[in-house]
N, C-alpha and C. Protein backbone atom coordinates (compact mmCIF):
# COMPACT_ATOMS: atom_id res chain seq x y z
N UNK A 1 -13.87 17.92 -38.85
CA UNK A 1 -14.89 17.25 -37.63
C UNK A 1 -14.03 16.01 -37.51
N UNK A 2 -13.45 15.84 -35.99
CA UNK A 2 -12.94 14.74 -35.33
C UNK A 2 -13.94 13.71 -34.89
N UNK A 3 -13.89 12.62 -35.74
CA UNK A 3 -14.68 11.39 -35.17
C UNK A 3 -13.61 10.28 -34.37
N UNK A 4 -14.21 10.04 -33.59
CA UNK A 4 -13.50 8.71 -32.41
C UNK A 4 -14.33 7.33 -32.23
N UNK A 5 -14.02 6.56 -32.50
CA UNK A 5 -14.65 5.15 -32.63
C UNK A 5 -13.89 4.27 -31.51
N UNK A 6 -14.59 3.87 -30.10
CA UNK A 6 -13.90 3.07 -29.35
C UNK A 6 -14.35 1.70 -29.82
N UNK A 7 -13.60 0.59 -29.43
CA UNK A 7 -13.52 -0.75 -29.52
C UNK A 7 -12.97 -1.63 -28.09
N UNK A 8 -13.46 -2.93 -28.10
CA UNK A 8 -12.89 -3.47 -27.25
C UNK A 8 -13.04 -3.92 -25.61
N UNK A 9 -14.37 -3.19 -25.60
CA UNK A 9 -15.26 -3.27 -24.47
C UNK A 9 -15.86 -4.97 -24.45
N UNK A 10 -16.44 -4.70 -22.95
CA UNK A 10 -17.12 -6.57 -22.98
C UNK A 10 -17.24 -6.85 -21.47
N UNK A 11 -17.59 -7.96 -21.56
CA UNK A 11 -18.08 -8.84 -20.29
C UNK A 11 -16.38 -9.36 -19.53
N UNK A 12 -16.40 -9.24 -18.49
CA UNK A 12 -14.70 -10.09 -18.15
C UNK A 12 -14.91 -10.29 -16.70
N UNK A 13 -14.65 -11.56 -15.89
CA UNK A 13 -14.69 -11.79 -14.81
C UNK A 13 -13.60 -11.01 -13.98
N UNK A 14 -13.85 -10.89 -12.62
CA UNK A 14 -12.56 -10.09 -11.78
C UNK A 14 -11.27 -10.47 -11.91
N UNK A 15 -10.26 -10.06 -11.69
CA UNK A 15 -9.06 -10.36 -11.96
C UNK A 15 -8.62 -10.46 -13.51
N UNK A 16 -9.38 -10.35 -14.64
CA UNK A 16 -9.54 -9.96 -15.76
C UNK A 16 -9.01 -9.07 -16.23
N UNK A 17 -8.53 -8.91 -17.72
CA UNK A 17 -8.10 -8.08 -18.59
C UNK A 17 -8.68 -7.51 -19.92
N UNK A 18 -8.54 -6.50 -20.31
CA UNK A 18 -9.36 -6.12 -21.36
C UNK A 18 -8.48 -4.94 -22.25
N UNK A 19 -8.70 -4.89 -23.34
CA UNK A 19 -7.99 -3.69 -24.24
C UNK A 19 -8.66 -3.16 -25.02
N UNK A 20 -8.76 -1.77 -24.44
CA UNK A 20 -9.63 -0.80 -25.33
C UNK A 20 -9.22 -0.03 -26.43
N UNK A 21 -9.55 -0.08 -27.37
CA UNK A 21 -8.92 0.89 -28.88
C UNK A 21 -9.86 2.09 -28.77
N UNK A 22 -9.34 3.04 -29.16
CA UNK A 22 -9.80 4.40 -29.92
C UNK A 22 -9.24 4.78 -31.38
N UNK A 23 -10.30 4.55 -32.46
CA UNK A 23 -9.22 5.18 -33.99
C UNK A 23 -9.89 6.68 -33.97
N UNK A 24 -9.00 7.33 -34.34
CA UNK A 24 -9.57 9.23 -34.90
C UNK A 24 -9.65 9.09 -36.09
N UNK A 25 -10.74 9.73 -36.74
CA UNK A 25 -10.54 10.33 -38.40
C UNK A 25 -10.76 11.71 -38.24
N UNK A 26 -10.07 12.78 -38.73
CA UNK A 26 -8.61 12.61 -39.31
C UNK A 26 -7.38 11.74 -38.03
N UNK A 27 -6.33 11.63 -38.37
CA UNK A 27 -5.54 11.15 -37.35
C UNK A 27 -4.73 12.36 -36.57
N UNK A 28 -5.46 12.64 -35.49
CA UNK A 28 -5.01 13.93 -34.77
C UNK A 28 -3.95 13.61 -33.45
N UNK A 29 -4.46 12.29 -33.26
CA UNK A 29 -3.56 11.96 -32.01
C UNK A 29 -2.03 12.30 -31.06
N UNK A 30 -1.47 12.66 -32.45
CA UNK A 30 -0.22 13.30 -32.40
C UNK A 30 0.10 14.63 -31.87
N UNK A 31 -1.11 15.35 -31.98
CA UNK A 31 -1.33 16.86 -31.71
C UNK A 31 -2.33 17.02 -30.63
N UNK A 32 -3.13 15.95 -30.28
CA UNK A 32 -3.96 15.97 -29.28
C UNK A 32 -3.61 15.56 -27.97
N UNK A 33 -4.24 16.12 -26.88
CA UNK A 33 -4.58 15.56 -25.22
C UNK A 33 -5.32 14.51 -25.49
N UNK A 34 -5.42 13.30 -25.03
CA UNK A 34 -6.43 12.24 -25.43
C UNK A 34 -6.61 11.71 -23.84
N UNK A 35 -7.55 11.49 -23.71
CA UNK A 35 -8.08 10.68 -22.50
C UNK A 35 -9.21 9.49 -22.82
N UNK A 36 -8.97 9.08 -21.78
CA UNK A 36 -10.02 7.64 -21.66
C UNK A 36 -11.10 8.02 -20.33
N UNK A 37 -12.30 7.92 -20.28
CA UNK A 37 -13.15 8.46 -19.40
C UNK A 37 -13.98 7.25 -18.89
N UNK A 38 -14.57 7.69 -17.77
CA UNK A 38 -15.69 6.26 -17.82
C UNK A 38 -16.67 6.65 -17.00
N UNK A 39 -18.02 6.10 -17.07
CA UNK A 39 -19.24 6.76 -16.39
C UNK A 39 -20.04 5.50 -16.15
N UNK A 40 -20.02 5.23 -14.62
CA UNK A 40 -20.80 4.10 -14.49
C UNK A 40 -22.08 4.79 -13.83
N UNK A 41 -23.46 3.89 -13.73
CA UNK A 41 -24.95 4.67 -14.02
C UNK A 41 -25.10 5.08 -12.54
N UNK A 42 -25.44 6.13 -12.71
CA UNK A 42 -25.66 7.17 -11.23
C UNK A 42 -24.62 7.83 -10.98
N UNK A 43 -23.38 7.77 -11.44
CA UNK A 43 -22.24 8.84 -10.95
C UNK A 43 -21.82 9.55 -12.23
N UNK A 44 -20.86 10.53 -12.09
CA UNK A 44 -20.60 11.19 -12.80
C UNK A 44 -19.14 10.48 -13.75
N UNK A 45 -19.07 11.26 -15.10
CA UNK A 45 -17.91 11.00 -16.22
C UNK A 45 -16.96 11.33 -15.08
N UNK A 46 -15.69 10.50 -14.97
CA UNK A 46 -14.66 10.67 -14.36
C UNK A 46 -13.47 10.39 -15.59
N UNK A 47 -12.20 10.96 -15.27
CA UNK A 47 -11.29 10.75 -16.03
C UNK A 47 -10.57 9.30 -15.14
N UNK A 48 -10.00 8.66 -16.39
CA UNK A 48 -9.37 7.39 -15.96
C UNK A 48 -7.73 7.60 -16.52
N UNK A 49 -7.57 8.15 -17.33
CA UNK A 49 -6.19 8.02 -17.90
C UNK A 49 -6.07 9.16 -19.30
N UNK A 50 -5.04 10.04 -19.10
CA UNK A 50 -4.75 10.87 -20.31
C UNK A 50 -3.06 10.84 -20.73
N UNK A 51 -3.16 11.25 -21.79
CA UNK A 51 -1.84 11.34 -22.43
C UNK A 51 -1.47 12.60 -23.38
N UNK A 52 -0.93 13.14 -23.21
CA UNK A 52 -0.72 14.50 -23.84
C UNK A 52 0.02 14.52 -25.32
N UNK A 53 0.44 15.59 -25.71
CA UNK A 53 0.83 15.53 -27.08
C UNK A 53 2.32 14.95 -27.15
N UNK A 54 2.86 15.40 -25.91
CA UNK A 54 4.23 14.98 -25.93
C UNK A 54 4.41 13.28 -25.13
N UNK A 55 3.33 12.99 -25.09
CA UNK A 55 3.32 11.13 -24.55
C UNK A 55 3.48 11.55 -22.74
N UNK A 56 3.12 12.53 -22.57
CA UNK A 56 3.30 12.55 -20.90
C UNK A 56 1.80 12.04 -20.33
N UNK A 57 1.80 10.85 -19.44
CA UNK A 57 0.49 9.92 -19.34
C UNK A 57 0.74 10.82 -17.55
N UNK A 58 -0.92 10.64 -17.12
CA UNK A 58 -1.27 10.46 -15.92
C UNK A 58 -2.58 9.64 -15.67
N UNK A 59 -2.60 9.19 -14.64
CA UNK A 59 -3.91 8.22 -14.27
C UNK A 59 -4.69 8.79 -13.02
N UNK A 60 -5.68 8.08 -12.97
CA UNK A 60 -6.71 8.11 -11.72
C UNK A 60 -5.99 7.43 -10.35
N UNK A 61 -5.89 7.65 -9.64
CA UNK A 61 -5.19 7.02 -8.63
C UNK A 61 -5.99 5.36 -8.31
N UNK A 62 -7.25 5.36 -8.74
CA UNK A 62 -7.94 4.17 -8.72
C UNK A 62 -7.55 3.20 -9.47
N UNK A 63 -6.73 3.46 -10.65
CA UNK A 63 -6.37 2.65 -11.81
C UNK A 63 -4.64 2.32 -12.14
N UNK A 64 -3.93 3.45 -10.74
CA UNK A 64 -2.56 3.32 -11.09
C UNK A 64 -2.41 1.97 -10.97
N UNK A 65 -0.94 1.13 -11.64
CA UNK A 65 -0.58 -0.01 -11.57
C UNK A 65 -1.45 -0.73 -12.11
N UNK A 66 -2.76 -0.65 -12.82
CA UNK A 66 -3.56 -1.76 -13.03
C UNK A 66 -3.80 -1.29 -14.57
N UNK A 67 -3.76 -0.31 -15.22
CA UNK A 67 -4.02 0.08 -16.08
C UNK A 67 -2.84 0.99 -17.14
N UNK A 68 -2.86 0.84 -18.59
CA UNK A 68 -1.52 1.54 -19.31
C UNK A 68 -2.48 1.89 -20.23
N UNK A 69 -1.90 2.80 -20.34
CA UNK A 69 -2.53 4.20 -21.91
C UNK A 69 -1.47 4.07 -22.68
N UNK A 70 -1.32 3.75 -23.92
CA UNK A 70 -0.55 3.70 -25.11
C UNK A 70 -1.13 4.38 -26.09
N UNK A 71 -0.05 5.03 -27.25
CA UNK A 71 -0.67 5.70 -28.23
C UNK A 71 0.34 4.97 -29.36
N UNK A 72 -0.29 4.75 -30.95
CA UNK A 72 0.33 3.95 -31.85
C UNK A 72 -0.12 5.44 -32.90
N UNK A 73 0.75 6.30 -33.27
CA UNK A 73 0.40 7.38 -34.01
C UNK A 73 0.67 6.84 -35.16
N UNK A 74 1.13 5.97 -35.55
CA UNK A 74 1.52 5.52 -37.19
C UNK A 74 -0.04 4.51 -37.73
N UNK A 75 -0.33 4.27 -36.17
CA UNK A 75 -1.84 3.24 -36.71
C UNK A 75 -2.82 4.20 -36.51
N UNK A 76 -2.52 5.46 -35.90
CA UNK A 76 -3.93 6.37 -35.56
C UNK A 76 -4.72 5.39 -34.50
N UNK A 77 -3.98 4.77 -33.67
CA UNK A 77 -4.82 4.44 -32.19
C UNK A 77 -4.47 4.48 -31.03
N UNK A 78 -5.05 4.81 -30.23
CA UNK A 78 -4.84 4.62 -28.89
C UNK A 78 -5.34 3.56 -28.26
N UNK A 79 -4.45 3.12 -26.91
CA UNK A 79 -5.15 1.99 -26.32
C UNK A 79 -5.35 2.13 -24.45
N UNK A 80 -6.22 1.52 -24.17
CA UNK A 80 -6.06 1.54 -22.59
C UNK A 80 -6.31 0.10 -22.30
N UNK A 81 -5.02 -1.01 -21.84
CA UNK A 81 -4.83 -1.93 -21.34
C UNK A 81 -5.41 -1.71 -20.13
N UNK A 82 -6.15 -2.81 -19.92
CA UNK A 82 -6.78 -2.60 -18.07
C UNK A 82 -6.51 -4.26 -18.10
N UNK A 83 -6.12 -4.11 -16.83
CA UNK A 83 -5.63 -5.63 -15.86
C UNK A 83 -6.44 -5.39 -14.21
N UNK A 84 -6.27 -6.77 -14.19
CA UNK A 84 -6.62 -6.69 -12.60
C UNK A 84 -7.57 -6.27 -12.28
N UNK A 85 -8.99 -6.27 -13.34
CA UNK A 85 -10.15 -5.68 -13.33
C UNK A 85 -10.97 -6.17 -12.04
N UNK A 86 -11.72 -4.96 -11.19
CA UNK A 86 -12.39 -5.23 -10.55
C UNK A 86 -14.24 -4.68 -10.78
N UNK A 87 -14.68 -5.21 -9.93
CA UNK A 87 -16.17 -4.55 -10.32
C UNK A 87 -16.81 -3.37 -10.38
N UNK A 88 -15.63 -2.63 -9.74
CA UNK A 88 -15.95 -1.28 -9.68
C UNK A 88 -15.59 -0.46 -10.87
N UNK A 89 -14.90 -1.17 -11.70
CA UNK A 89 -14.41 -0.66 -13.13
C UNK A 89 -15.52 -0.73 -14.07
N UNK A 90 -16.69 -1.52 -13.69
CA UNK A 90 -17.67 -1.40 -14.76
C UNK A 90 -17.89 -0.13 -14.94
N UNK A 91 -18.28 0.30 -16.37
CA UNK A 91 -18.75 1.79 -16.79
C UNK A 91 -18.75 1.65 -17.99
N UNK A 92 -19.51 2.68 -19.05
CA UNK A 92 -18.95 3.04 -20.24
C UNK A 92 -17.99 3.83 -19.99
N UNK A 93 -16.73 3.46 -21.00
CA UNK A 93 -15.59 4.17 -21.40
C UNK A 93 -15.70 4.58 -22.65
N UNK A 94 -15.47 5.90 -22.41
CA UNK A 94 -14.93 7.24 -23.42
C UNK A 94 -13.87 7.67 -23.30
N UNK A 95 -13.61 7.87 -25.13
CA UNK A 95 -12.23 8.02 -25.82
C UNK A 95 -12.49 9.50 -25.98
N UNK A 96 -11.53 10.65 -25.79
CA UNK A 96 -11.92 12.21 -26.05
C UNK A 96 -10.43 12.79 -26.64
N UNK A 97 -10.64 13.36 -27.36
CA UNK A 97 -9.38 14.13 -28.23
C UNK A 97 -9.59 15.40 -28.18
N UNK A 98 -8.75 16.22 -27.64
CA UNK A 98 -8.88 17.73 -27.44
C UNK A 98 -7.42 18.14 -27.90
N UNK A 99 -7.84 19.71 -28.53
CA UNK A 99 -6.47 20.40 -28.74
C UNK A 99 -7.07 21.66 -28.85
N UNK A 100 -6.99 22.92 -27.45
CA UNK A 100 -7.17 23.81 -27.55
C UNK A 100 -7.48 24.61 -28.37
N UNK A 101 -8.81 25.64 -28.96
CA UNK A 101 -9.27 25.97 -29.71
C UNK A 101 -9.46 25.30 -31.26
N UNK A 102 -9.34 24.08 -31.42
CA UNK A 102 -9.30 23.43 -32.58
C UNK A 102 -10.74 22.21 -32.23
N UNK A 103 -10.65 21.79 -31.37
CA UNK A 103 -11.56 20.32 -31.23
C UNK A 103 -11.76 20.00 -29.68
N UNK A 104 -12.57 19.39 -29.67
CA UNK A 104 -12.71 18.29 -28.52
C UNK A 104 -13.87 17.11 -28.55
N UNK A 105 -13.46 16.01 -28.86
CA UNK A 105 -14.08 15.14 -29.41
C UNK A 105 -14.48 14.05 -28.43
N UNK A 106 -15.84 13.36 -28.55
CA UNK A 106 -15.95 12.42 -27.75
C UNK A 106 -16.31 10.99 -28.80
N UNK A 107 -16.25 9.78 -28.36
CA UNK A 107 -16.64 8.73 -28.67
C UNK A 107 -17.91 8.57 -28.45
N UNK A 108 -18.50 7.51 -29.14
CA UNK A 108 -19.83 7.07 -28.18
C UNK A 108 -19.89 6.10 -27.50
N UNK A 109 -18.43 5.50 -26.84
CA UNK A 109 -18.41 4.75 -25.70
C UNK A 109 -18.31 3.37 -25.86
N UNK A 110 -17.66 2.67 -25.03
CA UNK A 110 -17.53 1.29 -25.08
C UNK A 110 -17.88 0.73 -23.70
N UNK A 111 -18.84 -0.19 -23.62
CA UNK A 111 -19.48 -1.16 -22.63
C UNK A 111 -18.33 -1.80 -21.85
N UNK A 112 -17.67 -1.78 -20.24
CA UNK A 112 -17.16 -2.77 -19.38
C UNK A 112 -17.58 -2.82 -18.59
N UNK A 113 -17.76 -4.36 -18.37
CA UNK A 113 -18.70 -4.89 -17.44
C UNK A 113 -17.43 -5.98 -16.71
N UNK A 114 -17.59 -5.76 -15.36
CA UNK A 114 -16.89 -6.87 -14.65
C UNK A 114 -17.40 -7.21 -13.32
N UNK A 115 -17.40 -8.55 -13.94
CA UNK A 115 -18.56 -9.43 -13.15
C UNK A 115 -18.04 -10.89 -13.13
N UNK A 116 -18.26 -11.42 -11.87
CA UNK A 116 -18.32 -12.90 -11.96
C UNK A 116 -19.72 -13.53 -12.31
């Protein structure tokens, strides 16, 4: 069973930065497609960014140029660096790791609040 644990959320002012981390047990990031999703109150969960097992990344249009998704296989961590944060980025952020036919796992989420 794959377990994911997110950390790094918090309260930040507009224009500020946060870095989210997600740790996996066991170490499956190198063989997975990993995604960061977010869900704001009253809205559906949406994909923010994803990285494939080959390291190909893609981003939602709303975060392109502001967010960076990276992976450190040796440390068994993935990161979402979020810069130039906006109030509309406020949401619970979730880490997901998926490998077809093997697992599709979610973390518990971490709250990000962007407010002055």
